[in-house]
Amino acid sequence: MPKVMRRAVLAAGFAALASGPAGAQGAPALRLRGRILAFADGVLTVATREGGNAKVTLPENAPVSALRRATLAELVPGANLGVVAEPAGEGLRAVAVTLLPATATRQFQSEWDLTPGSSMNNGAVAAVMERAEGHELTLTINGRSVPVRVDERTALVRPVPATRADLREGAAVFVLATRGADGALTAVRVSVEKDGVAPPT
């Protein structure tokens, strides 16, 4: 998978994770990206993309998910999306679009750490219009209309359930985690490589 697309798929995984309970509660969270070194006795060991290793406790109730490709035809009015976008001219270009479950109704915009100036934009589709340079999504986010351009480089995905059996050595992984007072890391959610759809290390 080309490097740009791999980054976009990972970004989409971020969108799905950011829409979950940890984001909704405003709890401090760490984003760990890398590859699995081991998973044993409820502890996930990750070789992070920064070059270190991290041990993360994975509670029994922590969701494990993967990603599947979605299509533009699925981005219909009313659909809930998580969009990682970056500045493009006077507007925003979608790096990755995640089609979220119907229950993921929380709407927000926040800074993101994919690229300088990137942002997370969670909202409902108000309209999809075809443009010369691609398509333009209009999201409704807390009563505001936010236009975002989608082009051929934009990754379109949806989260799907995975299991702990998918936490295989060598698989790419993204972990949303919290750090306790003792410095120990506990996973809130995990997104793992499966069936050829993988986040980069």
Protein backbone atom coordinates (compact mmCIF):
# COMPACT_ATOMS: atom_id res chain seq x y z
CA MET A 1 0.00 0.00 0.00
CA PRO A 2 1.44 3.45 -0.91
CA LYS A 3 2.72 5.44 2.06
CA VAL A 4 0.19 8.26 1.59
CA MET A 5 -2.74 5.85 1.51
CA ARG A 6 -1.42 3.94 4.53
CA ARG A 7 -1.29 7.20 6.49
CA ALA A 8 -4.81 8.00 5.36
CA VAL A 9 -6.12 4.62 6.50
CA LEU A 10 -4.52 5.14 9.88
CA ALA A 11 -6.11 8.57 10.08
CA ALA A 12 -9.47 7.00 9.45
CA GLY A 13 -8.86 4.63 12.30
CA PHE A 14 -8.21 7.67 14.47
CA ALA A 15 -11.58 9.09 13.52
CA ALA A 16 -13.36 5.95 14.61
CA LEU A 17 -11.47 5.83 17.87
CA ALA A 18 -11.95 9.50 18.61
CA SER A 19 -15.72 9.13 18.40
CA GLY A 20 -15.74 6.65 21.28
CA PRO A 21 -16.31 7.03 25.02
CA ALA A 22 -12.87 8.35 25.94
CA GLY A 23 -13.29 11.34 23.64
CA ALA A 24 -16.82 11.91 24.83
CA GLN A 25 -15.76 12.01 28.47
CA GLY A 26 -12.87 14.35 27.77
CA ALA A 27 -10.41 12.02 29.52
CA PRO A 28 -6.74 12.59 28.70
CA ALA A 29 -5.66 10.04 26.13
CA LEU A 30 -2.44 8.98 24.46
CA ARG A 31 -2.24 7.82 20.85
CA LEU A 32 0.17 4.96 20.29
CA ARG A 33 0.98 3.81 16.75
CA GLY A 34 3.26 0.97 15.80
CA ARG A 35 3.45 -2.79 15.48
CA ILE A 36 2.64 -5.52 17.93
CA LEU A 37 5.60 -7.26 19.49
CA ALA A 38 3.52 -9.47 21.75
CA PHE A 39 0.13 -9.91 23.37
CA ALA A 40 0.04 -12.09 26.46
CA ASP A 41 -1.76 -12.13 29.79
CA GLY A 42 -3.79 -9.09 28.83
CA VAL A 43 -0.75 -6.94 28.07
CA LEU A 44 -0.07 -5.59 24.59
CA THR A 45 3.55 -4.76 23.80
CA VAL A 46 3.92 -2.29 20.94
CA ALA A 47 7.02 -1.20 19.05
CA THR A 48 6.07 2.44 18.55
CA ARG A 49 6.78 4.39 15.38
CA GLU A 50 8.95 6.71 17.47
CA GLY A 51 11.34 3.84 18.11
CA GLY A 52 10.51 2.77 21.66
CA ASN A 53 8.45 -0.03 23.15
CA ALA A 54 5.25 0.44 25.14
CA LYS A 55 3.39 -2.04 27.34
CA VAL A 56 -0.35 -1.46 27.52
CA THR A 57 -2.85 -3.33 29.67
CA LEU A 58 -5.89 -4.32 27.62
CA PRO A 59 -8.99 -4.61 29.85
CA GLU A 60 -11.53 -7.29 28.97
CA ASN A 61 -14.10 -4.62 28.03
CA ALA A 62 -11.78 -2.58 25.79
CA PRO A 63 -13.12 -2.71 22.19
CA VAL A 64 -10.89 -4.11 19.45
CA SER A 65 -11.72 -3.05 15.88
CA ALA A 66 -10.38 -3.11 12.34
CA LEU A 67 -11.18 -1.18 9.15
CA ARG A 68 -12.90 -2.02 5.86
CA ARG A 69 -13.10 0.00 2.67
CA ALA A 70 -16.20 2.13 2.14
CA THR A 71 -17.47 3.85 -1.01
CA LEU A 72 -18.52 7.37 -1.83
CA ALA A 73 -22.04 6.07 -2.50
CA GLU A 74 -22.34 5.24 1.21
CA LEU A 75 -21.78 8.88 2.24
CA VAL A 76 -25.43 9.85 2.11
CA PRO A 77 -27.23 12.69 3.93
CA GLY A 78 -27.67 11.81 7.57
CA ALA A 79 -24.64 9.49 7.74
CA ASN A 80 -22.30 10.13 10.66
CA LEU A 81 -18.70 10.69 9.64
CA GLY A 82 -15.35 11.19 11.24
CA VAL A 83 -13.18 13.23 8.88
CA VAL A 84 -9.48 13.88 9.30
CA ALA A 85 -8.77 16.95 7.19
CA GLU A 86 -5.93 19.28 6.39
CA PRO A 87 -5.90 22.88 5.14
CA ALA A 88 -6.17 23.22 1.35
CA GLY A 89 -6.39 26.71 -0.07
CA GLU A 90 -9.18 28.49 1.77
CA GLY A 91 -10.89 25.27 2.84
CA LEU A 92 -10.32 21.72 4.02
CA ARG A 93 -9.34 18.54 2.16
CA ALA A 94 -10.31 15.18 3.62
CA VAL A 95 -7.31 12.94 4.21
CA ALA A 96 -9.57 10.17 5.49
CA VAL A 97 -13.30 9.69 5.96
CA THR A 98 -14.67 7.10 8.37
CA LEU A 99 -18.30 6.06 8.08
CA LEU A 100 -19.35 5.82 11.73
CA PRO A 101 -22.16 3.78 13.30
CA ALA A 102 -25.57 5.41 13.56
CA THR A 103 -25.09 5.60 17.33
CA ALA A 104 -21.94 7.73 16.99
CA THR A 105 -23.77 11.04 17.02
CA ARG A 106 -21.27 13.18 18.94
CA GLN A 107 -20.28 16.22 16.86
CA PHE A 108 -17.04 18.13 17.33
CA GLN A 109 -14.00 19.71 15.70
CA SER A 110 -10.56 19.55 17.24
CA GLU A 111 -6.89 19.81 16.36
CA TRP A 112 -5.26 16.58 15.21
CA ASP A 113 -1.67 15.42 14.97
CA LEU A 114 -1.50 13.73 11.56
CA THR A 115 0.05 16.70 9.77
CA PRO A 116 0.64 20.36 10.71
CA GLY A 117 -2.73 22.10 10.81
CA SER A 118 -4.75 18.89 10.51
CA SER A 119 -8.07 18.56 12.29
CA MET A 120 -10.67 15.99 13.35
CA ASN A 121 -14.20 16.79 12.18
CA ASN A 122 -17.05 14.59 13.39
CA GLY A 123 -20.53 15.38 12.10
CA ALA A 124 -23.48 14.33 9.97
CA VAL A 125 -23.58 14.57 6.19
CA ALA A 126 -25.86 17.39 5.05
CA ALA A 127 -25.02 17.20 1.34
CA VAL A 128 -22.62 15.68 -1.19
CA MET A 129 -21.87 17.66 -4.34
CA GLU A 130 -19.72 16.77 -7.34
CA ARG A 131 -16.99 19.27 -8.16
CA ALA A 132 -14.38 19.49 -10.91
CA GLU A 133 -11.64 18.53 -8.44
CA GLY A 134 -13.64 15.74 -6.78
CA HIS A 135 -16.60 15.86 -4.40
CA GLU A 136 -17.52 18.23 -1.62
CA LEU A 137 -19.05 16.99 1.59
CA THR A 138 -20.99 19.39 3.73
CA LEU A 139 -20.97 18.30 7.36
CA THR A 140 -23.27 19.60 10.04
CA ILE A 141 -21.21 20.06 13.20
CA ASN A 142 -23.02 21.53 16.19
CA GLY A 143 -25.29 23.60 13.97
CA ARG A 144 -22.56 24.82 11.61
CA SER A 145 -21.99 23.81 8.00
CA VAL A 146 -18.44 22.62 7.34
CA PRO A 147 -17.49 21.93 3.68
CA VAL A 148 -14.72 19.39 3.09
CA ARG A 149 -13.28 18.37 -0.27
CA VAL A 150 -12.92 14.65 -1.06
CA ASP A 151 -10.59 13.57 -3.88
CA GLU A 152 -8.96 10.43 -5.24
CA ARG A 153 -6.37 10.42 -2.44
CA THR A 154 -8.97 10.37 0.35
CA ALA A 155 -9.29 7.04 2.17
CA LEU A 156 -12.92 5.96 2.69
CA VAL A 157 -13.38 3.32 5.39
CA ARG A 158 -15.70 2.00 8.08
CA PRO A 159 -14.81 0.36 11.41
CA VAL A 160 -15.67 -3.31 11.86
CA PRO A 161 -15.37 -5.53 14.93
CA ALA A 162 -12.19 -7.48 15.53
CA THR A 163 -11.13 -9.76 18.37
CA ARG A 164 -8.14 -10.30 20.59
CA ALA A 165 -7.17 -13.16 18.29
CA ASP A 166 -6.39 -10.47 15.68
CA LEU A 167 -3.71 -8.95 17.93
CA ARG A 168 -0.96 -10.90 16.21
CA GLU A 169 2.75 -10.29 16.41
CA GLY A 170 3.80 -7.96 13.60
CA ALA A 171 0.34 -6.50 12.99
CA ALA A 172 0.11 -2.73 12.72
CA VAL A 173 -1.89 -1.21 15.54
CA PHE A 174 -3.26 2.05 16.89
CA VAL A 175 -4.03 2.24 20.60
CA LEU A 176 -5.96 4.94 22.42
CA ALA A 177 -4.75 4.70 26.01
CA THR A 178 -4.74 6.48 29.34
CA ARG A 179 -1.80 6.78 31.73
CA GLY A 180 -2.32 6.13 35.43
CA ALA A 181 -0.70 7.97 38.32
CA ASP A 182 1.91 5.21 38.43
CA GLY A 183 2.74 5.73 34.77
CA ALA A 184 1.10 2.48 33.63
CA LEU A 185 -0.80 2.54 30.33
CA THR A 186 -4.32 1.15 29.96
CA ALA A 187 -5.97 0.75 26.57
CA VAL A 188 -9.36 2.37 25.98
CA ARG A 189 -9.70 1.15 22.38
CA VAL A 190 -7.52 -0.66 19.86
CA SER A 191 -7.57 -0.66 16.05
CA VAL A 192 -5.55 -3.45 14.43
CA GLU A 193 -4.44 -4.48 10.95
CA LYS A 194 -6.68 -7.10 9.39
CA ASP A 195 -7.30 -8.50 5.90
CA GLY A 196 -4.85 -6.17 4.22
CA VAL A 197 -6.13 -2.89 5.69
CA ALA A 198 -3.31 -1.73 7.92
CA PRO A 199 -2.18 1.45 9.63
CA PRO A 200 1.50 2.29 9.05
CA THR A 201 4.17 1.96 11.71
